[in-house]
Amino acid sequence: MAKNSRPSGNKRARERAQAERIKEKESRRLERRERKAGAGPRAEGEDPDLAGIQAGPQPRPEWLDLPEEEAPSDEEKEQ
C-alpha cells in the first residue's frame, strides 16, 4: 500500500503554534525595548539592587536562627 506523502494535520498545527510563539516572543521583545527606551537613564550613584549591602560577611538572616526551645542540645548532638 502506498503511504500518504502529504503532511499531516498535526504537523500543520505544530507549525502554526510555533509561528504564533515566535510572533508573541517578538512582540514581547519590542515591548521590552520600548519600555527600556522610555524609562530614561538610570540615576547615577548607588545601584538599587545593591542598596544597603555592606562589604564583607553579611549578618545571618533571622529565619535561619532556630528558637532556643527547638535548638538541639549538646546531649542530642552527641547521639
N, C-alpha and C. Protein backbone atom coordinates (compact mmCIF):
# COMPACT_ATOMS: atom_id res chain seq x y z
N MET A 1 0.83 -1.19 0.00
CA MET A 1 0.00 0.00 0.00
C MET A 1 0.87 1.25 0.00
N ALA A 2 0.40 2.23 -0.67
CA ALA A 2 1.13 3.49 -0.75
C ALA A 2 0.85 4.31 0.50
N LYS A 3 1.88 4.99 0.95
CA LYS A 3 1.73 5.85 2.12
C LYS A 3 1.31 7.24 1.66
N ASN A 4 0.63 7.92 2.52
CA ASN A 4 0.21 9.29 2.24
C ASN A 4 1.42 10.20 2.41
N SER A 5 1.85 10.86 1.38
CA SER A 5 3.05 11.69 1.44
C SER A 5 2.74 13.13 1.85
N ARG A 6 1.48 13.46 2.03
CA ARG A 6 1.12 14.81 2.40
C ARG A 6 1.33 14.99 3.90
N PRO A 7 1.72 16.19 4.30
CA PRO A 7 1.91 16.44 5.74
C PRO A 7 0.59 16.28 6.51
N SER A 8 0.70 15.76 7.68
CA SER A 8 -0.49 15.53 8.47
C SER A 8 -1.01 16.84 9.07
N GLY A 9 -2.23 16.80 9.52
CA GLY A 9 -2.82 17.97 10.17
C GLY A 9 -2.11 18.33 11.45
N ASN A 10 -1.54 17.32 12.11
CA ASN A 10 -0.81 17.58 13.35
C ASN A 10 0.43 18.43 13.07
N LYS A 11 1.10 18.10 11.99
CA LYS A 11 2.31 18.86 11.65
C LYS A 11 1.95 20.31 11.37
N ARG A 12 0.89 20.52 10.63
CA ARG A 12 0.45 21.89 10.31
C ARG A 12 0.07 22.63 11.59
N ALA A 13 -0.58 21.97 12.52
CA ALA A 13 -0.95 22.59 13.80
C ALA A 13 0.30 22.97 14.59
N ARG A 14 1.30 22.09 14.58
CA ARG A 14 2.56 22.40 15.28
C ARG A 14 3.24 23.61 14.65
N GLU A 15 3.24 23.66 13.32
CA GLU A 15 3.86 24.79 12.63
C GLU A 15 3.14 26.10 12.95
N ARG A 16 1.81 26.07 12.99
CA ARG A 16 1.04 27.27 13.35
C ARG A 16 1.37 27.70 14.78
N ALA A 17 1.41 26.74 15.70
CA ALA A 17 1.71 27.05 17.10
C ALA A 17 3.11 27.65 17.23
N GLN A 18 4.05 27.10 16.50
CA GLN A 18 5.41 27.62 16.54
C GLN A 18 5.45 29.05 15.99
N ALA A 19 4.76 29.30 14.88
CA ALA A 19 4.72 30.65 14.30
C ALA A 19 4.09 31.62 15.29
N GLU A 20 3.06 31.20 15.99
CA GLU A 20 2.39 32.06 16.97
C GLU A 20 3.33 32.38 18.13
N ARG A 21 4.06 31.36 18.60
CA ARG A 21 5.02 31.60 19.69
C ARG A 21 6.09 32.58 19.26
N ILE A 22 6.56 32.48 18.03
CA ILE A 22 7.59 33.39 17.52
C ILE A 22 7.05 34.81 17.48
N LYS A 23 5.80 34.98 17.03
CA LYS A 23 5.19 36.31 16.98
C LYS A 23 5.04 36.89 18.38
N GLU A 24 4.58 36.08 19.33
CA GLU A 24 4.43 36.55 20.71
C GLU A 24 5.77 36.95 21.30
N LYS A 25 6.78 36.16 21.03
CA LYS A 25 8.11 36.46 21.56
C LYS A 25 8.64 37.77 20.98
N GLU A 26 8.44 37.98 19.70
CA GLU A 26 8.89 39.21 19.06
C GLU A 26 8.13 40.42 19.62
N SER A 27 6.84 40.26 19.87
CA SER A 27 6.07 41.38 20.43
C SER A 27 6.55 41.70 21.85
N ARG A 28 6.90 40.66 22.63
CA ARG A 28 7.44 40.91 23.98
C ARG A 28 8.78 41.63 23.89
N ARG A 29 9.61 41.25 22.92
CA ARG A 29 10.90 41.91 22.74
C ARG A 29 10.72 43.39 22.41
N LEU A 30 9.78 43.68 21.48
CA LEU A 30 9.54 45.07 21.11
C LEU A 30 9.01 45.87 22.30
N GLU A 31 8.10 45.27 23.05
CA GLU A 31 7.55 45.94 24.23
C GLU A 31 8.66 46.24 25.24
N ARG A 32 9.56 45.28 25.44
CA ARG A 32 10.65 45.46 26.39
C ARG A 32 11.58 46.57 25.92
N ARG A 33 11.88 46.61 24.61
CA ARG A 33 12.73 47.66 24.07
C ARG A 33 12.10 49.03 24.26
N GLU A 34 10.80 49.15 23.98
CA GLU A 34 10.10 50.43 24.15
C GLU A 34 10.08 50.85 25.62
N ARG A 35 9.86 49.90 26.51
CA ARG A 35 9.83 50.22 27.94
C ARG A 35 11.19 50.71 28.41
N LYS A 36 12.25 50.05 27.95
CA LYS A 36 13.60 50.46 28.35
C LYS A 36 13.95 51.83 27.77
N ALA A 37 13.53 52.07 26.52
CA ALA A 37 13.84 53.35 25.88
C ALA A 37 13.06 54.48 26.57
N GLY A 38 11.85 54.23 26.99
CA GLY A 38 11.03 55.25 27.62
C GLY A 38 11.36 55.47 29.09
N ALA A 39 12.09 54.56 29.70
CA ALA A 39 12.40 54.68 31.12
C ALA A 39 13.39 55.79 31.40
N GLY A 40 14.20 56.13 30.43
CA GLY A 40 15.21 57.16 30.64
C GLY A 40 16.44 56.60 31.30
N PRO A 41 17.43 57.46 31.47
CA PRO A 41 18.69 56.98 32.06
C PRO A 41 18.52 56.68 33.55
N ARG A 42 19.30 55.72 34.00
CA ARG A 42 19.29 55.39 35.42
C ARG A 42 20.01 56.47 36.20
N ALA A 43 19.59 56.66 37.42
CA ALA A 43 20.21 57.67 38.27
C ALA A 43 21.63 57.24 38.61
N GLU A 44 22.52 58.20 38.63
CA GLU A 44 23.91 57.92 39.00
C GLU A 44 23.99 57.71 40.50
N GLY A 45 24.99 57.01 40.91
CA GLY A 45 25.17 56.78 42.35
C GLY A 45 25.00 55.32 42.68
N GLU A 46 24.24 55.06 43.73
CA GLU A 46 24.10 53.71 44.25
C GLU A 46 23.14 52.88 43.39
N ASP A 47 23.56 51.66 43.11
CA ASP A 47 22.73 50.73 42.35
C ASP A 47 21.57 50.27 43.25
N PRO A 48 20.31 50.36 42.79
CA PRO A 48 19.20 49.97 43.66
C PRO A 48 19.22 48.50 44.06
N ASP A 49 19.84 47.65 43.24
CA ASP A 49 19.94 46.23 43.60
C ASP A 49 20.92 46.00 44.75
N LEU A 50 21.86 46.90 44.88
CA LEU A 50 22.90 46.73 45.90
C LEU A 50 22.70 47.65 47.10
N ALA A 51 21.61 48.38 47.15
CA ALA A 51 21.36 49.34 48.23
C ALA A 51 21.32 48.62 49.57
N GLY A 52 22.06 49.13 50.53
CA GLY A 52 22.05 48.59 51.88
C GLY A 52 22.96 47.41 52.11
N ILE A 53 23.64 46.92 51.10
CA ILE A 53 24.55 45.80 51.27
C ILE A 53 25.92 46.34 51.67
N GLN A 54 26.48 45.73 52.70
CA GLN A 54 27.79 46.15 53.18
C GLN A 54 28.85 45.19 52.65
N ALA A 55 30.06 45.69 52.51
CA ALA A 55 31.16 44.83 52.09
C ALA A 55 31.49 43.86 53.23
N GLY A 56 31.90 42.67 52.87
CA GLY A 56 32.29 41.69 53.87
C GLY A 56 31.15 40.73 54.18
N PRO A 57 31.34 39.93 55.23
CA PRO A 57 30.31 38.94 55.58
C PRO A 57 29.00 39.63 55.97
N GLN A 58 27.91 39.05 55.54
CA GLN A 58 26.59 39.60 55.85
C GLN A 58 26.07 38.98 57.14
N PRO A 59 25.21 39.70 57.86
CA PRO A 59 24.64 39.12 59.08
C PRO A 59 23.76 37.93 58.74
N ARG A 60 23.68 37.01 59.66
CA ARG A 60 22.88 35.80 59.47
C ARG A 60 21.40 36.17 59.44
N PRO A 61 20.65 35.68 58.44
CA PRO A 61 19.22 36.00 58.38
C PRO A 61 18.48 35.44 59.58
N GLU A 62 17.46 36.16 60.03
CA GLU A 62 16.72 35.74 61.21
C GLU A 62 16.01 34.41 61.00
N TRP A 63 15.56 34.15 59.77
CA TRP A 63 14.80 32.92 59.53
C TRP A 63 15.66 31.68 59.64
N LEU A 64 16.98 31.83 59.64
CA LEU A 64 17.86 30.66 59.80
C LEU A 64 18.09 30.32 61.27
N ASP A 65 17.85 31.28 62.15
CA ASP A 65 18.08 31.03 63.57
C ASP A 65 16.89 30.27 64.16
N LEU A 66 17.18 29.14 64.80
CA LEU A 66 16.15 28.35 65.45
C LEU A 66 15.86 28.94 66.82
N PRO A 67 14.62 28.93 67.25
CA PRO A 67 14.32 29.34 68.63
C PRO A 67 15.04 28.41 69.60
N GLU A 68 15.31 28.90 70.79
CA GLU A 68 16.10 28.12 71.76
C GLU A 68 15.44 26.79 72.11
N GLU A 69 14.12 26.74 72.19
CA GLU A 69 13.44 25.51 72.56
C GLU A 69 13.55 24.43 71.47
N GLU A 70 13.74 24.85 70.20
CA GLU A 70 13.86 23.89 69.11
C GLU A 70 15.31 23.54 68.79
N ALA A 71 16.25 24.30 69.30
CA ALA A 71 17.65 24.05 69.01
C ALA A 71 18.08 22.75 69.68
N PRO A 72 18.82 21.90 68.98
CA PRO A 72 19.28 20.65 69.59
C PRO A 72 20.29 20.92 70.70
N SER A 73 20.16 20.20 71.78
CA SER A 73 21.08 20.37 72.91
C SER A 73 22.38 19.62 72.64
N ASP A 74 23.37 19.83 73.53
CA ASP A 74 24.65 19.16 73.36
C ASP A 74 24.51 17.65 73.47
N GLU A 75 23.61 17.18 74.34
CA GLU A 75 23.41 15.73 74.50
C GLU A 75 22.83 15.12 73.23
N GLU A 76 21.90 15.82 72.59
CA GLU A 76 21.28 15.29 71.38
C GLU A 76 22.29 15.28 70.23
N LYS A 77 23.21 16.24 70.22
CA LYS A 77 24.21 16.30 69.16
C LYS A 77 25.16 15.11 69.23
N GLU A 78 25.49 14.64 70.45
CA GLU A 78 26.45 13.55 70.61
C GLU A 78 25.86 12.20 70.18
N GLN A 79 24.57 12.07 70.24
CA GLN A 79 23.95 10.77 69.94
C GLN A 79 23.90 10.50 68.50
